[in-house]
Protein backbone atom coordinates (compact mmCIF):
# COMPACT_ATOMS: atom_id res chain seq x y z
CA MET A 1 7.04 -54.83 18.19
CA LEU A 2 9.68 -53.08 20.04
CA SER A 3 12.98 -54.58 21.50
CA VAL A 4 14.24 -52.88 24.83
CA ILE A 5 16.94 -53.69 27.04
CA SER A 6 15.72 -54.67 30.97
CA ALA A 7 17.33 -52.48 33.42
CA ASP A 8 16.60 -55.51 35.69
CA THR A 9 18.04 -58.15 34.01
CA GLY A 10 20.11 -56.69 31.11
CA LEU A 11 18.76 -58.90 28.72
CA SER A 12 16.50 -57.84 25.75
CA GLU A 13 12.89 -58.08 25.69
CA THR A 14 10.14 -57.67 23.12
CA HIS A 15 6.97 -55.93 23.77
CA ASP A 16 3.99 -55.50 21.69
CA LEU A 17 3.38 -51.85 21.32
CA PRO A 18 1.15 -50.15 18.79
CA GLU A 19 2.72 -48.44 16.07
CA ARG A 20 2.43 -44.66 16.06
CA ALA A 21 3.07 -42.16 13.26
CA ILE A 22 6.20 -40.01 14.10
CA ALA A 23 5.18 -36.44 14.32
CA SER A 24 7.22 -34.06 12.31
CA ALA A 25 9.99 -32.08 14.00
CA LEU A 26 8.71 -29.09 11.95
CA PRO A 27 6.00 -26.81 13.15
CA THR A 28 4.41 -26.67 9.88
CA ARG A 29 4.18 -28.47 6.71
CA PHE A 30 4.95 -25.35 4.71
CA ARG A 31 8.29 -24.36 3.75
CA PRO A 32 9.44 -20.60 3.37
CA ALA A 33 9.18 -20.94 -0.44
CA ASP A 34 5.66 -21.94 -0.02
CA LEU A 35 4.95 -18.78 2.22
CA LEU A 36 6.83 -16.58 -0.52
CA ARG A 37 4.46 -18.00 -3.08
CA ILE A 38 1.49 -17.48 -0.95
CA THR A 39 2.37 -13.76 -0.26
CA ASP A 40 3.20 -13.26 -3.87
CA GLN A 41 -0.20 -14.27 -4.87
CA GLY A 42 -1.82 -12.43 -2.05
CA ALA A 43 -0.20 -9.27 -3.45
CA VAL A 44 -1.49 -10.07 -6.93
CA ASP A 45 -5.02 -10.56 -5.49
CA VAL A 46 -4.91 -7.28 -3.52
CA LEU A 47 -3.59 -5.48 -6.61
CA ASN A 48 -6.24 -6.94 -8.66
CA GLY A 49 -9.18 -5.92 -6.10
CA VAL A 50 -9.99 -9.36 -4.84
CA TYR A 51 -9.79 -7.96 -1.31
CA ASP A 52 -11.16 -4.40 -1.91
CA HIS A 53 -14.08 -5.20 0.37
CA LEU A 54 -11.68 -5.45 3.46
CA LEU A 55 -9.61 -2.13 2.62
CA PRO A 56 -10.44 0.94 4.54
CA GLY A 57 -13.49 3.08 3.68
CA ASN A 58 -13.28 5.45 1.09
CA GLY A 59 -9.81 4.16 -0.11
CA VAL A 60 -8.31 6.33 2.70
CA TRP A 61 -5.54 4.49 4.46
CA PRO A 62 -4.55 5.45 7.93
CA LYS A 63 -1.74 7.92 8.09
CA ASP A 64 -0.99 8.09 11.92
CA SER A 65 -0.70 4.21 12.71
CA ARG A 66 0.12 0.98 11.03
CA TRP A 67 -3.23 -0.85 10.06
CA ALA A 68 -3.55 -4.51 9.04
CA VAL A 69 -6.48 -6.87 7.91
CA ARG A 70 -6.47 -10.53 7.74
CA LEU A 71 -6.78 -11.82 4.19
CA SER A 72 -7.30 -15.39 4.87
CA SER A 73 -6.82 -17.78 7.43
CA ASP A 74 -6.85 -21.76 8.07
CA ASP A 75 -5.28 -24.03 10.65
CA ASP A 76 -1.99 -23.88 8.65
CA VAL A 77 -1.53 -20.15 7.57
CA ASP A 78 -2.73 -16.66 8.26
CA VAL A 79 -2.51 -14.14 5.33
CA TRP A 80 -2.34 -10.38 6.25
CA LEU A 81 -1.99 -6.96 4.31
CA ILE A 82 -0.18 -4.44 6.31
CA SER A 83 0.00 -0.83 5.87
CA TRP A 84 2.94 0.93 7.37
CA VAL A 85 3.24 4.65 7.97
CA PRO A 86 6.52 6.83 8.83
CA ASP A 87 8.12 6.56 12.26
CA GLN A 88 6.59 3.39 13.62
CA SER A 89 8.75 0.33 14.46
CA THR A 90 7.78 -3.24 15.42
CA GLU A 91 10.54 -3.41 17.64
CA LEU A 92 13.03 -6.42 17.71
CA HIS A 93 10.77 -9.38 17.86
CA ASP A 94 10.51 -12.95 16.89
CA HIS A 95 7.37 -14.91 15.74
CA ALA A 96 7.61 -17.70 18.29
CA GLY A 97 6.93 -21.03 16.74
CA SER A 98 5.96 -19.73 13.48
CA ILE A 99 7.89 -19.16 9.98
CA GLY A 100 6.93 -16.37 7.93
CA ALA A 101 7.27 -14.52 4.62
CA LEU A 102 6.25 -11.11 3.15
CA THR A 103 5.88 -9.50 -0.27
CA VAL A 104 6.06 -5.74 -0.54
CA LEU A 105 3.41 -4.25 -2.88
CA SER A 106 3.96 -0.61 -2.61
CA GLY A 107 6.50 1.93 -1.13
CA ALA A 108 9.50 0.29 0.60
CA LEU A 109 10.26 -1.47 4.15
CA SER A 110 13.56 -1.16 6.07
CA GLU A 111 14.33 -4.48 8.11
CA PHE A 112 16.90 -4.76 10.76
CA ARG A 113 17.81 -8.22 11.58
CA TRP A 114 19.88 -9.62 14.49
CA ALA A 115 22.94 -11.25 12.97
CA GLY A 116 24.37 -12.77 15.97
CA GLU A 117 26.87 -9.87 16.96
CA ASP A 118 24.88 -6.88 15.45
CA LEU A 119 21.90 -5.62 13.45
CA ARG A 120 22.13 -5.94 9.66
CA HIS A 121 19.91 -3.58 7.55
CA ARG A 122 18.12 -4.00 4.20
CA THR A 123 15.66 -2.45 2.21
CA LEU A 124 12.88 -4.16 0.66
CA GLU A 125 10.97 -2.18 -2.35
CA ALA A 126 7.90 -2.92 -4.23
CA GLY A 127 8.36 -6.60 -5.62
CA ASP A 128 10.79 -7.58 -3.17
CA GLN A 129 10.26 -10.69 -0.95
CA ALA A 130 11.50 -11.95 2.21
CA SER A 131 11.12 -15.12 4.46
CA PHE A 132 11.87 -15.64 8.08
CA PRO A 133 12.57 -18.88 9.79
CA ILE A 134 11.91 -19.78 13.50
CA GLY A 135 14.53 -17.71 15.54
CA TRP A 136 14.68 -14.88 13.01
CA VAL A 137 14.75 -11.76 15.14
CA HIS A 138 13.91 -8.40 13.47
CA ASP A 139 12.50 -4.81 13.53
CA VAL A 140 10.55 -3.51 10.46
CA MET A 141 9.44 -0.34 9.56
CA ARG A 142 8.44 1.88 6.67
CA ALA A 143 11.57 2.81 4.77
CA PRO A 144 12.47 6.62 4.83
CA SER A 145 11.23 8.40 1.87
CA THR A 146 13.98 10.30 -0.32
CA GLU A 147 11.30 12.04 -2.03
CA ALA A 148 10.53 15.43 -1.10
CA LEU A 149 7.35 15.71 1.41
CA ASP A 150 4.40 15.69 -0.67
CA GLU A 151 0.90 13.96 -0.36
CA GLU A 152 1.94 10.99 -2.45
CA SER A 153 5.02 10.52 -0.44
CA LEU A 154 2.91 9.92 2.86
CA GLU A 155 0.91 7.36 1.20
CA PRO A 156 1.44 4.07 3.39
CA THR A 157 3.79 1.23 2.35
CA LEU A 158 1.87 -1.91 1.60
CA SER A 159 2.83 -5.66 2.31
CA VAL A 160 1.33 -8.95 2.36
CA HIS A 161 2.68 -11.18 5.28
CA ALA A 162 2.00 -15.28 5.83
CA TYR A 163 2.84 -16.90 8.99
CA SER A 164 2.64 -20.62 9.48
CA PRO A 165 1.47 -22.03 11.77
CA PRO A 166 -0.67 -19.08 12.62
CA LEU A 167 0.94 -16.51 15.04
CA THR A 168 0.22 -17.24 18.62
CA ALA A 169 2.93 -15.33 20.32
CA MET A 170 5.91 -13.05 19.93
CA SER A 171 8.87 -12.39 22.11
CA TYR A 172 10.67 -8.74 22.01
CA TYR A 173 14.31 -7.99 22.44
CA GLU A 174 16.95 -5.62 23.21
CA VAL A 175 20.61 -5.42 22.28
CA THR A 176 22.79 -5.28 25.30
CA PRO A 177 25.89 -3.14 25.87
CA HIS A 178 27.72 -6.99 25.52
CA LYS A 179 26.08 -7.10 22.01
CA THR A 180 23.75 -10.11 23.04
CA LEU A 181 20.30 -10.04 22.97
CA ARG A 182 18.01 -9.88 25.76
CA ARG A 183 14.26 -10.99 25.72
CA THR A 184 12.39 -7.97 27.38
CA ARG A 185 8.78 -9.76 27.02
CA THR A 186 6.71 -12.19 25.45
CA VAL A 187 3.13 -11.65 24.61
CA LEU A 188 0.33 -13.93 23.28
CA THR A 189 -1.01 -12.37 19.80
CA ASP A 190 -2.30 -13.36 16.64
CA LEU A 191 -1.77 -9.99 15.25
CA PRO A 192 1.07 -9.44 12.58
CA GLU A 193 4.31 -7.78 13.46
CA GLY A 194 2.78 -6.87 16.75
CA ASP A 195 0.84 -3.76 18.06
CA PRO A 196 1.83 -0.35 16.27
CA LYS A 197 4.30 1.59 18.05
């Protein structure tokens, strides 16, 4: 039963309307803490060899471009393993209607997050986690190595990412001279952290 005020008479009227479940205002049933747990378990599984069949052939990681493989997927969440190489940034972007989280497996990532007037920087090292709500605008890249350039320092940084609901779009931004964000483009994608640059 629903009572409404009639625009014609100004009197309250009662109508028989079927009851409907009220949809959640959230885009997903998952919370950031859930995604952090999922990426942490994904990292453990990668380190324990559960996904060895999905890794690059001969155990050789690409050294000239970012690489990603979907570890699992359903209607609620996508989980990805991403390999990061030097000098490739994701550009400032958001994840449209998805929330996300990540766990760093090896190496380190630099994140530059829009904080309303400027970019804030943080470094996430192996074992560190981060989550990002809807509206989070950031740029992610492999953190510069402080080690001497040798073969080991050229190994990729690895991280596990989860997005819920699964990614469908990303918007990219630039910081204006007035210290605001300007959206430069929006792309439909299901790839994590956009195309390699």
